[in-house]
């Protein structure tokens, strides 16, 4: 009987959408709306790690960031975003700024 009393006290709207909370690995189906153009960032492994690894000081190592990128599910979306938005700093999609410039020149 205590169980039924407990359950009757649970509000109807108890559910919280994990996407609204920013839970990694959870995304809604992406529309073509501008609002969802960065939805891939929810699944980005870099969002769960130290951002300093992805923006090293000049001459600093990019190895740790690139290692994280190799197993990221949204690596291609990240690189596409960086190329389209001419990101000049940091590691995006597993590539440094210099590597992205070379890639753009080849295209």
PDB file of N, CA and C in Angstrom:
ATOM      1  N   UNK A   1       0.813  -1.185   0.000  1.00  0.00           N
ATOM      2  CA  UNK A   1       0.000   0.000   0.000  1.00  0.00           C
ATOM      3  C   UNK A   1       0.865   1.261   0.000  1.00  0.00           C
ATOM      4  N   UNK A   2       2.030   1.192   0.615  1.00  0.00           N
ATOM      5  CA  UNK A   2       2.916   2.356   0.619  1.00  0.00           C
ATOM      6  C   UNK A   2       3.370   2.677  -0.803  1.00  0.00           C
ATOM      7  N   UNK A   3       3.497   1.653  -1.651  1.00  0.00           N
ATOM      8  CA  UNK A   3       3.930   1.859  -3.032  1.00  0.00           C
ATOM      9  C   UNK A   3       2.916   2.693  -3.795  1.00  0.00           C
ATOM     10  N   UNK A   4       1.621   2.400  -3.623  1.00  0.00           N
ATOM     11  CA  UNK A   4       0.610   3.159  -4.343  1.00  0.00           C
ATOM     12  C   UNK A   4       0.571   4.612  -3.872  1.00  0.00           C
ATOM     13  N   UNK A   5       0.814   4.851  -2.599  1.00  0.00           N
ATOM     14  CA  UNK A   5       0.851   6.227  -2.104  1.00  0.00           C
ATOM     15  C   UNK A   5       2.040   6.968  -2.708  1.00  0.00           C
ATOM     16  N   UNK A   6       3.174   6.304  -2.827  1.00  0.00           N
ATOM     17  CA  UNK A   6       4.348   6.920  -3.414  1.00  0.00           C
ATOM     18  C   UNK A   6       4.095   7.255  -4.875  1.00  0.00           C
ATOM     19  N   UNK A   7       3.581   6.308  -5.615  1.00  0.00           N
ATOM     20  CA  UNK A   7       3.357   6.521  -7.039  1.00  0.00           C
ATOM     21  C   UNK A   7       2.317   7.604  -7.296  1.00  0.00           C
ATOM     22  N   UNK A   8       1.358   7.744  -6.437  1.00  0.00           N
ATOM     23  CA  UNK A   8       0.354   8.783  -6.662  1.00  0.00           C
ATOM     24  C   UNK A   8       0.961  10.177  -6.481  1.00  0.00           C
ATOM     25  N   UNK A   9       2.103  10.262  -5.800  1.00  0.00           N
ATOM     26  CA  UNK A   9       2.751  11.549  -5.593  1.00  0.00           C
ATOM     27  C   UNK A   9       3.693  11.949  -6.728  1.00  0.00           C
ATOM     28  N   UNK A  10       3.879  11.082  -7.736  1.00  0.00           N
ATOM     29  CA  UNK A  10       4.778  11.400  -8.849  1.00  0.00           C
ATOM     30  C   UNK A  10       4.032  12.280  -9.844  1.00  0.00           C
ATOM     31  N   UNK A  11       4.583  13.424 -10.188  1.00  0.00           N
ATOM     32  CA  UNK A  11       3.898  14.305 -11.136  1.00  0.00           C
ATOM     33  C   UNK A  11       3.809  13.672 -12.525  1.00  0.00           C
ATOM     34  N   UNK A  12       2.796  14.067 -13.270  1.00  0.00           N
ATOM     35  CA  UNK A  12       2.604  13.554 -14.623  1.00  0.00           C
ATOM     36  C   UNK A  12       3.761  13.931 -15.534  1.00  0.00           C
ATOM     37  N   UNK A  13       4.368  15.084 -15.332  1.00  0.00           N
ATOM     38  CA  UNK A  13       5.427  15.564 -16.210  1.00  0.00           C
ATOM     39  C   UNK A  13       6.819  15.329 -15.603  1.00  0.00           C
ATOM     40  N   UNK A  14       7.045  14.183 -15.000  1.00  0.00           N
ATOM     41  CA  UNK A  14       8.291  13.885 -14.321  1.00  0.00           C
ATOM     42  C   UNK A  14       9.460  13.690 -15.282  1.00  0.00           C
ATOM     43  N   UNK A  15       9.196  13.364 -16.538  1.00  0.00           N
ATOM     44  CA  UNK A  15      10.253  13.040 -17.494  1.00  0.00           C
ATOM     45  C   UNK A  15      10.995  14.301 -17.936  1.00  0.00           C
ATOM     46  N   UNK A  16      12.321  14.234 -17.953  1.00  0.00           N
ATOM     47  CA  UNK A  16      13.151  15.326 -18.450  1.00  0.00           C
ATOM     48  C   UNK A  16      13.866  14.810 -19.692  1.00  0.00           C
ATOM     49  N   UNK A  17      13.749  15.541 -20.780  1.00  0.00           N
ATOM     50  CA  UNK A  17      14.356  15.143 -22.041  1.00  0.00           C
ATOM     51  C   UNK A  17      15.879  15.197 -21.923  1.00  0.00           C
ATOM     52  N   UNK A  18      16.586  14.071 -22.164  1.00  0.00           N
ATOM     53  CA  UNK A  18      18.050  14.078 -22.051  1.00  0.00           C
ATOM     54  C   UNK A  18      18.725  15.011 -23.049  1.00  0.00           C
ATOM     55  N   UNK A  19      18.091  15.290 -24.178  1.00  0.00           N
ATOM     56  CA  UNK A  19      18.655  16.234 -25.147  1.00  0.00           C
ATOM     57  C   UNK A  19      18.672  17.628 -24.546  1.00  0.00           C
ATOM     58  N   UNK A  20      17.601  17.995 -23.846  1.00  0.00           N
ATOM     59  CA  UNK A  20      17.540  19.306 -23.207  1.00  0.00           C
ATOM     60  C   UNK A  20      18.601  19.445 -22.108  1.00  0.00           C
ATOM     61  N   UNK A  21      18.968  18.317 -21.500  1.00  0.00           N
ATOM     62  CA  UNK A  21      19.997  18.338 -20.457  1.00  0.00           C
ATOM     63  C   UNK A  21      21.402  18.312 -21.043  1.00  0.00           C
ATOM     64  N   UNK A  22      21.508  18.027 -22.351  1.00  0.00           N
ATOM     65  CA  UNK A  22      22.819  17.961 -22.992  1.00  0.00           C
ATOM     66  C   UNK A  22      23.545  16.653 -22.740  1.00  0.00           C
ATOM     67  N   UNK A  23      22.801  15.570 -22.537  1.00  0.00           N
ATOM     68  CA  UNK A  23      23.410  14.273 -22.296  1.00  0.00           C
ATOM     69  C   UNK A  23      24.124  13.808 -23.572  1.00  0.00           C
ATOM     70  N   UNK A  24      25.445  13.513 -23.489  1.00  0.00           N
ATOM     71  CA  UNK A  24      26.182  13.070 -24.669  1.00  0.00           C
ATOM     72  C   UNK A  24      25.611  11.764 -25.222  1.00  0.00           C
ATOM     73  N   UNK A  25      25.636  11.626 -26.532  1.00  0.00           N
ATOM     74  CA  UNK A  25      25.176  10.411 -27.186  1.00  0.00           C
ATOM     75  C   UNK A  25      23.685  10.381 -27.462  1.00  0.00           C
ATOM     76  N   UNK A  26      22.982  11.451 -27.132  1.00  0.00           N
ATOM     77  CA  UNK A  26      21.535  11.494 -27.339  1.00  0.00           C
ATOM     78  C   UNK A  26      21.199  12.669 -28.235  1.00  0.00           C
ATOM     79  N   UNK A  27      20.596  12.391 -29.385  1.00  0.00           N
ATOM     80  CA  UNK A  27      20.205  13.456 -30.309  1.00  0.00           C
ATOM     81  C   UNK A  27      18.820  13.194 -30.835  1.00  0.00           C
ATOM     82  N   UNK A  28      18.158  14.272 -31.173  1.00  0.00           N
ATOM     83  CA  UNK A  28      16.888  14.167 -31.884  1.00  0.00           C
ATOM     84  C   UNK A  28      17.200  14.005 -33.365  1.00  0.00           C
ATOM     85  N   UNK A  29      16.214  13.559 -34.137  1.00  0.00           N
ATOM     86  CA  UNK A  29      16.378  13.544 -35.581  1.00  0.00           C
ATOM     87  C   UNK A  29      16.585  14.974 -36.028  1.00  0.00           C
ATOM     88  N   UNK A  30      17.551  15.181 -36.895  1.00  0.00           N
ATOM     89  CA  UNK A  30      17.907  16.531 -37.309  1.00  0.00           C
ATOM     90  C   UNK A  30      17.004  16.998 -38.433  1.00  0.00           C
ATOM     91  N   UNK A  31      16.372  18.163 -38.224  1.00  0.00           N
ATOM     92  CA  UNK A  31      15.583  18.813 -39.270  1.00  0.00           C
ATOM     93  C   UNK A  31      16.552  19.583 -40.158  1.00  0.00           C
ATOM     94  N   UNK A  32      15.988  20.252 -41.121  1.00  0.00           N
ATOM     95  CA  UNK A  32      16.812  21.119 -41.949  1.00  0.00           C
ATOM     96  C   UNK A  32      16.821  22.543 -41.406  1.00  0.00           C
ATOM     97  N   UNK A  33      16.304  22.734 -40.212  1.00  0.00           N
ATOM     98  CA  UNK A  33      16.247  24.083 -39.643  1.00  0.00           C
ATOM     99  C   UNK A  33      17.616  24.540 -39.188  1.00  0.00           C
ATOM    100  N   UNK A  34      17.828  25.822 -39.192  1.00  0.00           N
ATOM    101  CA  UNK A  34      19.107  26.402 -38.789  1.00  0.00           C
ATOM    102  C   UNK A  34      19.429  26.067 -37.338  1.00  0.00           C
ATOM    103  N   UNK A  35      18.417  25.947 -36.520  1.00  0.00           N
ATOM    104  CA  UNK A  35      18.574  25.663 -35.095  1.00  0.00           C
ATOM    105  C   UNK A  35      19.326  24.359 -34.852  1.00  0.00           C
ATOM    106  N   UNK A  36      19.201  23.397 -35.753  1.00  0.00           N
ATOM    107  CA  UNK A  36      19.809  22.093 -35.549  1.00  0.00           C
ATOM    108  C   UNK A  36      21.149  21.908 -36.257  1.00  0.00           C
ATOM    109  N   UNK A  37      21.720  22.958 -36.808  1.00  0.00           N
ATOM    110  CA  UNK A  37      22.970  22.816 -37.542  1.00  0.00           C
ATOM    111  C   UNK A  37      24.131  22.392 -36.658  1.00  0.00           C
ATOM    112  N   UNK A  38      24.051  22.647 -35.376  1.00  0.00           N
ATOM    113  CA  UNK A  38      25.116  22.252 -34.459  1.00  0.00           C
ATOM    114  C   UNK A  38      24.707  21.103 -33.538  1.00  0.00           C
ATOM    115  N   UNK A  39      23.644  20.407 -33.870  1.00  0.00           N
ATOM    116  CA  UNK A  39      23.167  19.307 -33.029  1.00  0.00           C
ATOM    117  C   UNK A  39      24.204  18.213 -32.870  1.00  0.00           C
ATOM    118  N   UNK A  40      25.084  18.058 -33.833  1.00  0.00           N
ATOM    119  CA  UNK A  40      26.119  17.029 -33.753  1.00  0.00           C
ATOM    120  C   UNK A  40      27.034  17.247 -32.545  1.00  0.00           C
ATOM    121  N   UNK A  41      27.146  18.480 -32.068  1.00  0.00           N
ATOM    122  CA  UNK A  41      28.037  18.770 -30.950  1.00  0.00           C
ATOM    123  C   UNK A  41      27.627  18.044 -29.672  1.00  0.00           C
ATOM    124  N   UNK A  42      26.373  17.653 -29.588  1.00  0.00           N
ATOM    125  CA  UNK A  42      25.907  16.899 -28.431  1.00  0.00           C
ATOM    126  C   UNK A  42      26.665  15.590 -28.292  1.00  0.00           C
ATOM    127  N   UNK A  43      27.029  14.984 -29.430  1.00  0.00           N
ATOM    128  CA  UNK A  43      27.722  13.698 -29.408  1.00  0.00           C
ATOM    129  C   UNK A  43      29.241  13.820 -29.519  1.00  0.00           C
ATOM    130  N   UNK A  44      29.762  15.014 -29.592  1.00  0.00           N
ATOM    131  CA  UNK A  44      31.199  15.209 -29.767  1.00  0.00           C
ATOM    132  C   UNK A  44      31.967  14.824 -28.502  1.00  0.00           C
ATOM    133  N   UNK A  45      32.968  13.986 -28.669  1.00  0.00           N
ATOM    134  CA  UNK A  45      33.779  13.570 -27.520  1.00  0.00           C
ATOM    135  C   UNK A  45      34.546  14.740 -26.907  1.00  0.00           C
ATOM    136  N   UNK A  46      34.896  15.722 -27.732  1.00  0.00           N
ATOM    137  CA  UNK A  46      35.643  16.870 -27.210  1.00  0.00           C
ATOM    138  C   UNK A  46      34.833  17.659 -26.192  1.00  0.00           C
ATOM    139  N   UNK A  47      33.521  17.586 -26.287  1.00  0.00           N
ATOM    140  CA  UNK A  47      32.691  18.329 -25.333  1.00  0.00           C
ATOM    141  C   UNK A  47      32.729  17.699 -23.943  1.00  0.00           C
ATOM    142  N   UNK A  48      33.304  16.504 -23.869  1.00  0.00           N
ATOM    143  CA  UNK A  48      33.389  15.788 -22.591  1.00  0.00           C
ATOM    144  C   UNK A  48      34.817  15.782 -22.046  1.00  0.00           C
ATOM    145  N   UNK A  49      35.711  16.515 -22.695  1.00  0.00           N
ATOM    146  CA  UNK A  49      37.116  16.509 -22.292  1.00  0.00           C
ATOM    147  C   UNK A  49      37.620  17.938 -22.100  1.00  0.00           C
ATOM    148  N   UNK A  50      38.889  18.043 -21.787  1.00  0.00           N
ATOM    149  CA  UNK A  50      39.527  19.339 -21.548  1.00  0.00           C
ATOM    150  C   UNK A  50      39.666  20.105 -22.854  1.00  0.00           C
ATOM    151  N   UNK A  51      39.041  21.269 -22.985  1.00  0.00           N
ATOM    152  CA  UNK A  51      39.117  22.028 -24.231  1.00  0.00           C
ATOM    153  C   UNK A  51      40.529  22.501 -24.574  1.00  0.00           C
ATOM    154  N   UNK A  52      41.386  22.606 -23.589  1.00  0.00           N
ATOM    155  CA  UNK A  52      42.753  23.059 -23.847  1.00  0.00           C
ATOM    156  C   UNK A  52      43.503  22.108 -24.770  1.00  0.00           C
ATOM    157  N   UNK A  53      43.148  20.838 -24.762  1.00  0.00           N
ATOM    158  CA  UNK A  53      43.800  19.867 -25.649  1.00  0.00           C
ATOM    159  C   UNK A  53      43.490  20.184 -27.109  1.00  0.00           C
ATOM    160  N   UNK A  54      42.337  20.780 -27.373  1.00  0.00           N
ATOM    161  CA  UNK A  54      41.909  21.061 -28.740  1.00  0.00           C
ATOM    162  C   UNK A  54      42.338  22.446 -29.220  1.00  0.00           C
ATOM    163  N   UNK A  55      42.856  23.253 -28.312  1.00  0.00           N
ATOM    164  CA  UNK A  55      43.347  24.588 -28.650  1.00  0.00           C
ATOM    165  C   UNK A  55      44.720  24.785 -28.009  1.00  0.00           C
ATOM    166  N   UNK A  56      45.701  24.012 -28.476  1.00  0.00           N
ATOM    167  CA  UNK A  56      47.032  24.110 -27.862  1.00  0.00           C
ATOM    168  C   UNK A  56      47.713  25.434 -28.205  1.00  0.00           C
ATOM    169  N   UNK A  57      48.646  25.833 -27.358  1.00  0.00           N
ATOM    170  CA  UNK A  57      49.423  27.038 -27.636  1.00  0.00           C
ATOM    171  C   UNK A  57      50.280  26.783 -28.864  1.00  0.00           C
ATOM    172  N   UNK A  58      50.726  27.839 -29.497  1.00  0.00           N
ATOM    173  CA  UNK A  58      51.546  27.716 -30.703  1.00  0.00           C
ATOM    174  C   UNK A  58      52.742  26.809 -30.408  1.00  0.00           C
ATOM    175  N   UNK A  59      52.906  25.814 -31.246  1.00  0.00           N
ATOM    176  CA  UNK A  59      53.986  24.857 -31.067  1.00  0.00           C
ATOM    177  C   UNK A  59      53.649  23.714 -30.126  1.00  0.00           C
ATOM    178  N   UNK A  60      52.463  23.767 -29.490  1.00  0.00           N
ATOM    179  CA  UNK A  60      52.048  22.723 -28.562  1.00  0.00           C
ATOM    180  C   UNK A  60      51.610  21.462 -29.287  1.00  0.00           C
ATOM    181  N   UNK A  61      51.546  20.376 -28.581  1.00  0.00           N
ATOM    182  CA  UNK A  61      51.181  19.088 -29.162  1.00  0.00           C
ATOM    183  C   UNK A  61      49.676  18.992 -29.446  1.00  0.00           C
ATOM    184  N   UNK A  62      49.353  18.406 -30.589  1.00  0.00           N
ATOM    185  CA  UNK A  62      47.957  18.159 -30.964  1.00  0.00           C
ATOM    186  C   UNK A  62      47.613  16.670 -30.847  1.00  0.00           C
ATOM    187  N   UNK A  63      48.573  15.884 -30.408  1.00  0.00           N
ATOM    188  CA  UNK A  63      48.425  14.428 -30.363  1.00  0.00           C
ATOM    189  C   UNK A  63      47.215  13.969 -29.554  1.00  0.00           C
ATOM    190  N   UNK A  64      47.033  14.487 -28.343  1.00  0.00           N
ATOM    191  CA  UNK A  64      45.923  14.042 -27.480  1.00  0.00           C
ATOM    192  C   UNK A  64      44.571  14.345 -28.119  1.00  0.00           C
ATOM    193  N   UNK A  65      44.437  15.546 -28.667  1.00  0.00           N
ATOM    194  CA  UNK A  65      43.163  15.923 -29.297  1.00  0.00           C
ATOM    195  C   UNK A  65      42.880  15.032 -30.496  1.00  0.00           C
ATOM    196  N   UNK A  66      43.883  14.800 -31.313  1.00  0.00           N
ATOM    197  CA  UNK A  66      43.687  13.971 -32.514  1.00  0.00           C
ATOM    198  C   UNK A  66      43.348  12.527 -32.143  1.00  0.00           C
ATOM    199  N   UNK A  67      43.906  12.049 -31.057  1.00  0.00           N
ATOM    200  CA  UNK A  67      43.598  10.692 -30.590  1.00  0.00           C
ATOM    201  C   UNK A  67      42.123  10.599 -30.186  1.00  0.00           C
ATOM    202  N   UNK A  68      41.624  11.616 -29.528  1.00  0.00           N
ATOM    203  CA  UNK A  68      40.207  11.637 -29.133  1.00  0.00           C
ATOM    204  C   UNK A  68      39.326  11.675 -30.384  1.00  0.00           C
ATOM    205  N   UNK A  69      39.723  12.474 -31.364  1.00  0.00           N
ATOM    206  CA  UNK A  69      38.946  12.606 -32.605  1.00  0.00           C
ATOM    207  C   UNK A  69      38.823  11.276 -33.364  1.00  0.00           C
ATOM    208  N   UNK A  70      39.839  10.428 -33.286  1.00  0.00           N
ATOM    209  CA  UNK A  70      39.801   9.182 -34.062  1.00  0.00           C
ATOM    210  C   UNK A  70      38.621   8.294 -33.696  1.00  0.00           C
ATOM    211  N   UNK A  71      38.169   8.366 -32.455  1.00  0.00           N
ATOM    212  CA  UNK A  71      37.048   7.510 -32.057  1.00  0.00           C
ATOM    213  C   UNK A  71      35.732   8.276 -31.899  1.00  0.00           C
ATOM    214  N   UNK A  72      35.688   9.515 -32.365  1.00  0.00           N
ATOM    215  CA  UNK A  72      34.487  10.336 -32.229  1.00  0.00           C
ATOM    216  C   UNK A  72      33.491  10.015 -33.349  1.00  0.00           C
ATOM    217  N   UNK A  73      32.240   9.837 -32.981  1.00  0.00           N
ATOM    218  CA  UNK A  73      31.175   9.503 -33.935  1.00  0.00           C
ATOM    219  C   UNK A  73      30.810  10.651 -34.863  1.00  0.00           C
ATOM    220  N   UNK A  74      31.135  11.875 -34.500  1.00  0.00           N
ATOM    221  CA  UNK A  74      30.732  13.036 -35.312  1.00  0.00           C
ATOM    222  C   UNK A  74      31.937  13.759 -35.909  1.00  0.00           C
ATOM    223  N   UNK A  75      33.014  13.035 -36.095  1.00  0.00           N
ATOM    224  CA  UNK A  75      34.252  13.616 -36.632  1.00  0.00           C
ATOM    225  C   UNK A  75      34.020  14.276 -37.991  1.00  0.00           C
ATOM    226  N   UNK A  76      33.291  13.635 -38.876  1.00  0.00           N
ATOM    227  CA  UNK A  76      33.080  14.198 -40.215  1.00  0.00           C
ATOM    228  C   UNK A  76      32.214  15.456 -40.156  1.00  0.00           C
ATOM    229  N   UNK A  77      31.188  15.490 -39.303  1.00  0.00           N
ATOM    230  CA  UNK A  77      30.351  16.670 -39.153  1.00  0.00           C
ATOM    231  C   UNK A  77      31.178  17.839 -38.604  1.00  0.00           C
ATOM    232  N   UNK A  78      32.069  17.518 -37.673  1.00  0.00           N
ATOM    233  CA  UNK A  78      32.931  18.522 -37.062  1.00  0.00           C
ATOM    234  C   UNK A  78      33.865  19.133 -38.113  1.00  0.00           C
ATOM    235  N   UNK A  79      34.487  18.281 -38.906  1.00  0.00           N
ATOM    236  CA  UNK A  79      35.395  18.780 -39.943  1.00  0.00           C
ATOM    237  C   UNK A  79      34.639  19.604 -40.976  1.00  0.00           C
ATOM    238  N   UNK A  80      33.477  19.132 -41.375  1.00  0.00           N
ATOM    239  CA  UNK A  80      32.657  19.871 -42.341  1.00  0.00           C
ATOM    240  C   UNK A  80      32.312  21.256 -41.801  1.00  0.00           C
ATOM    241  N   UNK A  81      31.927  21.320 -40.532  1.00  0.00           N
ATOM    242  CA  UNK A  81      31.604  22.602 -39.905  1.00  0.00           C
ATOM    243  C   UNK A  81      32.814  23.534 -39.935  1.00  0.00           C
ATOM    244  N   UNK A  82      33.984  23.018 -39.560  1.00  0.00           N
ATOM    245  CA  UNK A  82      35.191  23.840 -39.522  1.00  0.00           C
ATOM    246  C   UNK A  82      35.553  24.369 -40.898  1.00  0.00           C
ATOM    247  N   UNK A  83      35.398  23.536 -41.919  1.00  0.00           N
ATOM    248  CA  UNK A  83      35.722  23.965 -43.282  1.00  0.00           C
ATOM    249  C   UNK A  83      34.728  25.009 -43.786  1.00  0.00           C
ATOM    250  N   UNK A  84      33.457  24.796 -43.509  1.00  0.00           N
ATOM    251  CA  UNK A  84      32.428  25.737 -43.959  1.00  0.00           C
ATOM    252  C   UNK A  84      32.519  27.087 -43.249  1.00  0.00           C
ATOM    253  N   UNK A  85      32.971  27.068 -42.001  1.00  0.00           N
ATOM    254  CA  UNK A  85      33.019  28.291 -41.203  1.00  0.00           C
ATOM    255  C   UNK A  85      34.424  28.862 -41.074  1.00  0.00           C
ATOM    256  N   UNK A  86      35.354  28.329 -41.831  1.00  0.00           N
ATOM    257  CA  UNK A  86      36.726  28.820 -41.864  1.00  0.00           C
ATOM    258  C   UNK A  86      37.313  28.979 -40.463  1.00  0.00           C
ATOM    259  N   UNK A  87      37.151  27.929 -39.653  1.00  0.00           N
ATOM    260  CA  UNK A  87      37.709  27.941 -38.298  1.00  0.00           C
ATOM    261  C   UNK A  87      39.228  28.021 -38.393  1.00  0.00           C
ATOM    262  N   UNK A  88      39.807  29.005 -37.742  1.00  0.00           N
ATOM    263  CA  UNK A  88      41.248  29.240 -37.869  1.00  0.00           C
ATOM    264  C   UNK A  88      42.057  28.710 -36.695  1.00  0.00           C
ATOM    265  N   UNK A  89      41.405  28.302 -35.648  1.00  0.00           N
ATOM    266  CA  UNK A  89      42.132  27.835 -34.475  1.00  0.00           C
ATOM    267  C   UNK A  89      41.600  26.491 -34.030  1.00  0.00           C
ATOM    268  N   UNK A  90      42.465  25.702 -33.451  1.00  0.00           N
ATOM    269  CA  UNK A  90      42.062  24.457 -32.821  1.00  0.00           C
ATOM    270  C   UNK A  90      42.013  23.250 -33.740  1.00  0.00           C
ATOM    271  N   UNK A  91      41.776  22.124 -33.107  1.00  0.00           N
ATOM    272  CA  UNK A  91      41.641  20.850 -33.800  1.00  0.00           C
ATOM    273  C   UNK A  91      40.157  20.631 -34.038  1.00  0.00           C
ATOM    274  N   UNK A  92      39.784  20.422 -35.283  1.00  0.00           N
ATOM    275  CA  UNK A  92      38.396  20.182 -35.683  1.00  0.00           C
ATOM    276  C   UNK A  92      38.376  18.969 -36.600  1.00  0.00           C
ATOM    277  N   UNK A  93      37.570  17.987 -36.286  1.00  0.00           N
ATOM    278  CA  UNK A  93      37.481  16.805 -37.138  1.00  0.00           C
ATOM    279  C   UNK A  93      38.803  16.076 -37.267  1.00  0.00           C
ATOM    280  N   UNK A  94      39.657  16.200 -36.275  1.00  0.00           N
ATOM    281  CA  UNK A  94      40.936  15.510 -36.272  1.00  0.00           C
ATOM    282  C   UNK A  94      42.039  16.218 -37.031  1.00  0.00           C
ATOM    283  N   UNK A  95      41.783  17.417 -37.527  1.00  0.00           N
ATOM    284  CA  UNK A  95      42.786  18.147 -38.300  1.00  0.00           C
ATOM    285  C   UNK A  95      43.121  19.494 -37.665  1.00  0.00           C
ATOM    286  N   UNK A  96      44.376  19.874 -37.781  1.00  0.00           N
ATOM    287  CA  UNK A  96      44.814  21.190 -37.310  1.00  0.00           C
ATOM    288  C   UNK A  96      44.444  22.231 -38.362  1.00  0.00           C
ATOM    289  N   UNK A  97      44.672  23.499 -38.024  1.00  0.00           N
ATOM    290  CA  UNK A  97      44.380  24.570 -38.985  1.00  0.00           C
ATOM    291  C   UNK A  97      45.205  24.380 -40.254  1.00  0.00           C
ATOM    292  N   UNK A  98      46.461  24.066 -40.107  1.00  0.00           N
ATOM    293  CA  UNK A  98      47.343  23.862 -41.265  1.00  0.00           C
ATOM    294  C   UNK A  98      46.840  22.710 -42.140  1.00  0.00           C
ATOM    295  N   UNK A  99      46.439  21.627 -41.501  1.00  0.00           N
ATOM    296  CA  UNK A  99      45.928  20.473 -42.264  1.00  0.00           C
ATOM    297  C   UNK A  99      44.617  20.796 -42.973  1.00  0.00           C
ATOM    298  N   UNK A 100      43.772  21.606 -42.334  1.00  0.00           N
ATOM    299  CA  UNK A 100      42.513  22.000 -42.972  1.00  0.00           C
ATOM    300  C   UNK A 100      42.767  22.913 -44.167  1.00  0.00           C
ATOM    301  N   UNK A 101      43.745  23.801 -44.047  1.00  0.00           N
ATOM    302  CA  UNK A 101      44.101  24.673 -45.181  1.00  0.00           C
ATOM    303  C   UNK A 101      44.578  23.849 -46.371  1.00  0.00           C
ATOM    304  N   UNK A 102      45.435  22.859 -46.113  1.00  0.00           N
ATOM    305  CA  UNK A 102      45.919  21.973 -47.189  1.00  0.00           C
ATOM    306  C   UNK A 102      44.761  21.236 -47.846  1.00  0.00           C
ATOM    307  N   UNK A 103      43.839  20.760 -47.025  1.00  0.00           N
ATOM    308  CA  UNK A 103      42.678  20.035 -47.538  1.00  0.00           C
ATOM    309  C   UNK A 103      41.824  20.943 -48.429  1.00  0.00           C
ATOM    310  N   UNK A 104      41.637  22.177 -48.000  1.00  0.00           N
ATOM    311  CA  UNK A 104      40.848  23.136 -48.799  1.00  0.00           C
ATOM    312  C   UNK A 104      41.531  23.440 -50.130  1.00  0.00           C
ATOM    313  N   UNK A 105      42.859  23.566 -50.131  1.00  0.00           N
ATOM    314  CA  UNK A 105      43.584  23.849 -51.359  1.00  0.00           C
ATOM    315  C   UNK A 105      43.459  22.716 -52.364  1.00  0.00           C
ATOM    316  N   UNK A 106      43.437  21.479 -51.873  1.00  0.00           N
ATOM    317  CA  UNK A 106      43.317  20.313 -52.760  1.00  0.00           C
ATOM    318  C   UNK A 106      41.939  20.201 -53.388  1.00  0.00           C
ATOM    319  N   UNK A 107      40.934  20.730 -52.680  1.00  0.00           N
ATOM    320  CA  UNK A 107      39.545  20.596 -53.152  1.00  0.00           C
ATOM    321  C   UNK A 107      39.215  21.523 -54.292  1.00  0.00           C
TER     322      UNK A 107
END
